[in-house]
Amino acid sequence: MRRHVHTLERERLISIHEVKQSIGRPYYHLTEKGNQHFPSAYEKFCLDFLNVMEALQGEKVLRELFRKVANHDKNAYEEVLGNGGNLRKQFTS
């Protein structure tokens, strides 16, 4: 296993992040080059899921889903921004 990890790191397909903790292993993640070499299918999965949902439930349900997600995101941002919607103030205080 270690040899494989070292090969991936040497080829710059992964990078290792040491996290200070009492137990556990290092955190590995794909680099940009690694993402190109090992592509994910998240976008295709999401589009397929939405197409099937529309086929089963109709466009009206899909539009309501997007409306609820947008409203949820809006509420989450407003909660983070808090008083007066000043994001800079939130990070500098």
C-alpha atoms as a PDB file:
ATOM      1  CA  MET A   1       0.000   0.000   0.000  1.00  0.00           C
ATOM      2  CA  ARG A   2       2.718   2.485   0.958  1.00  0.00           C
ATOM      3  CA  ARG A   3       4.593   1.842  -2.268  1.00  0.00           C
ATOM      4  CA  HIS A   4       1.446   2.606  -4.277  1.00  0.00           C
ATOM      5  CA  VAL A   5       0.823   5.807  -2.279  1.00  0.00           C
ATOM      6  CA  HIS A   6       4.432   6.918  -2.760  1.00  0.00           C
ATOM      7  CA  THR A   7       4.167   6.250  -6.509  1.00  0.00           C
ATOM      8  CA  LEU A   8       0.989   8.353  -6.733  1.00  0.00           C
ATOM      9  CA  GLU A   9       2.639  11.129  -4.747  1.00  0.00           C
ATOM     10  CA  ARG A  10       5.817  11.014  -6.863  1.00  0.00           C
ATOM     11  CA  GLU A  11       3.673  11.279 -10.015  1.00  0.00           C
ATOM     12  CA  ARG A  12       1.901  14.247  -8.370  1.00  0.00           C
ATOM     13  CA  LEU A  13      -1.490  12.573  -8.567  1.00  0.00           C
ATOM     14  CA  ILE A  14      -2.087  12.887  -4.816  1.00  0.00           C
ATOM     15  CA  SER A  15      -0.835  15.088  -2.033  1.00  0.00           C
ATOM     16  CA  ILE A  16      -0.535  14.218   1.620  1.00  0.00           C
ATOM     17  CA  HIS A  17      -1.687  16.472   4.422  1.00  0.00           C
ATOM     18  CA  GLU A  18      -0.467  15.680   7.891  1.00  0.00           C
ATOM     19  CA  VAL A  19      -3.121  16.463  10.477  1.00  0.00           C
ATOM     20  CA  LYS A  20      -2.008  16.769  14.086  1.00  0.00           C
ATOM     21  CA  GLN A  21      -3.985  14.230  16.029  1.00  0.00           C
ATOM     22  CA  SER A  22      -3.285  11.632  18.660  1.00  0.00           C
ATOM     23  CA  ILE A  23      -4.141   8.687  16.408  1.00  0.00           C
ATOM     24  CA  GLY A  24      -5.035   8.126  12.796  1.00  0.00           C
ATOM     25  CA  ARG A  25      -3.495   8.327   9.396  1.00  0.00           C
ATOM     26  CA  PRO A  26      -2.489  11.167   7.082  1.00  0.00           C
ATOM     27  CA  TYR A  27      -5.130  12.728   4.869  1.00  0.00           C
ATOM     28  CA  TYR A  28      -4.623  12.143   1.133  1.00  0.00           C
ATOM     29  CA  HIS A  29      -6.361  14.019  -1.640  1.00  0.00           C
ATOM     30  CA  LEU A  30      -6.165  14.160  -5.399  1.00  0.00           C
ATOM     31  CA  THR A  31      -4.212  16.988  -6.957  1.00  0.00           C
ATOM     32  CA  GLU A  32      -5.485  18.797 -10.057  1.00  0.00           C
ATOM     33  CA  LYS A  33      -3.444  16.358 -12.149  1.00  0.00           C
ATOM     34  CA  GLY A  34      -4.959  13.479 -10.157  1.00  0.00           C
ATOM     35  CA  ASN A  35      -8.485  14.752 -10.789  1.00  0.00           C
ATOM     36  CA  GLN A  36      -7.751  14.740 -14.529  1.00  0.00           C
ATOM     37  CA  HIS A  37      -6.324  11.214 -14.293  1.00  0.00           C
ATOM     38  CA  PHE A  38      -9.125   9.855 -12.046  1.00  0.00           C
ATOM     39  CA  PRO A  39     -12.205  11.857 -13.057  1.00  0.00           C
ATOM     40  CA  SER A  40     -15.326  11.789 -10.912  1.00  0.00           C
ATOM     41  CA  ALA A  41     -18.820  11.372 -12.236  1.00  0.00           C
ATOM     42  CA  TYR A  42     -20.593  13.748  -9.835  1.00  0.00           C
ATOM     43  CA  GLU A  43     -21.883  16.028 -12.586  1.00  0.00           C
ATOM     44  CA  LYS A  44     -23.228  13.134 -14.668  1.00  0.00           C
ATOM     45  CA  PHE A  45     -24.823  11.538 -11.607  1.00  0.00           C
ATOM     46  CA  CYS A  46     -26.591  14.787 -10.649  1.00  0.00           C
ATOM     47  CA  LEU A  47     -27.867  15.413 -14.173  1.00  0.00           C
ATOM     48  CA  ASP A  48     -29.066  11.814 -14.532  1.00  0.00           C
ATOM     49  CA  PHE A  49     -30.790  12.034 -11.149  1.00  0.00           C
ATOM     50  CA  LEU A  50     -32.577  15.265 -12.069  1.00  0.00           C
ATOM     51  CA  ASN A  51     -33.636  13.886 -15.465  1.00  0.00           C
ATOM     52  CA  VAL A  52     -35.107  10.765 -13.866  1.00  0.00           C
ATOM     53  CA  MET A  53     -36.831  12.834 -11.191  1.00  0.00           C
ATOM     54  CA  GLU A  54     -38.363  15.070 -13.855  1.00  0.00           C
ATOM     55  CA  ALA A  55     -39.502  12.031 -15.835  1.00  0.00           C
ATOM     56  CA  LEU A  56     -41.124  10.499 -12.742  1.00  0.00           C
ATOM     57  CA  GLN A  57     -42.542  13.610 -11.040  1.00  0.00           C
ATOM     58  CA  GLY A  58     -42.739  16.239 -13.748  1.00  0.00           C
ATOM     59  CA  GLU A  59     -41.225  19.649 -14.356  1.00  0.00           C
ATOM     60  CA  LYS A  60     -43.391  21.320 -11.695  1.00  0.00           C
ATOM     61  CA  VAL A  61     -41.874  19.187  -8.931  1.00  0.00           C
ATOM     62  CA  LEU A  62     -38.363  19.820 -10.237  1.00  0.00           C
ATOM     63  CA  ARG A  63     -38.963  23.581 -10.262  1.00  0.00           C
ATOM     64  CA  GLU A  64     -40.275  23.402  -6.682  1.00  0.00           C
ATOM     65  CA  LEU A  65     -37.161  21.468  -5.662  1.00  0.00           C
ATOM     66  CA  PHE A  66     -34.898  24.182  -7.094  1.00  0.00           C
ATOM     67  CA  ARG A  67     -37.013  26.898  -5.475  1.00  0.00           C
ATOM     68  CA  LYS A  68     -36.675  25.213  -2.050  1.00  0.00           C
ATOM     69  CA  VAL A  69     -32.914  24.700  -2.469  1.00  0.00           C
ATOM     70  CA  ALA A  70     -32.463  28.350  -3.460  1.00  0.00           C
ATOM     71  CA  ASN A  71     -34.511  29.474  -0.456  1.00  0.00           C
ATOM     72  CA  HIS A  72     -32.507  27.209   1.858  1.00  0.00           C
ATOM     73  CA  ASP A  73     -29.238  28.645   0.516  1.00  0.00           C
ATOM     74  CA  LYS A  74     -30.557  32.199   0.872  1.00  0.00           C
ATOM     75  CA  ASN A  75     -31.497  31.572   4.511  1.00  0.00           C
ATOM     76  CA  ALA A  76     -28.122  29.980   5.231  1.00  0.00           C
ATOM     77  CA  TYR A  77     -26.265  32.972   3.752  1.00  0.00           C
ATOM     78  CA  GLU A  78     -28.428  35.436   5.659  1.00  0.00           C
ATOM     79  CA  GLU A  79     -27.706  33.551   8.878  1.00  0.00           C
ATOM     80  CA  VAL A  80     -23.945  33.659   8.237  1.00  0.00           C
ATOM     81  CA  LEU A  81     -24.011  37.319   7.249  1.00  0.00           C
ATOM     82  CA  GLY A  82     -26.043  38.215  10.300  1.00  0.00           C
ATOM     83  CA  ASN A  83     -26.280  41.858  11.250  1.00  0.00           C
ATOM     84  CA  GLY A  84     -26.557  44.052   8.204  1.00  0.00           C
ATOM     85  CA  GLY A  85     -25.247  41.435   5.781  1.00  0.00           C
ATOM     86  CA  ASN A  86     -21.612  42.526   6.233  1.00  0.00           C
ATOM     87  CA  LEU A  87     -19.528  39.458   5.358  1.00  0.00           C
ATOM     88  CA  ARG A  88     -16.193  41.291   5.805  1.00  0.00           C
ATOM     89  CA  LYS A  89     -17.211  42.269   9.323  1.00  0.00           C
ATOM     90  CA  GLN A  90     -18.014  38.633  10.151  1.00  0.00           C
ATOM     91  CA  PHE A  91     -14.473  37.518   9.238  1.00  0.00           C
ATOM     92  CA  THR A  92     -12.549  40.405  10.767  1.00  0.00           C
ATOM     93  CA  SER A  93     -14.261  40.523  14.155  1.00  0.00           C
END
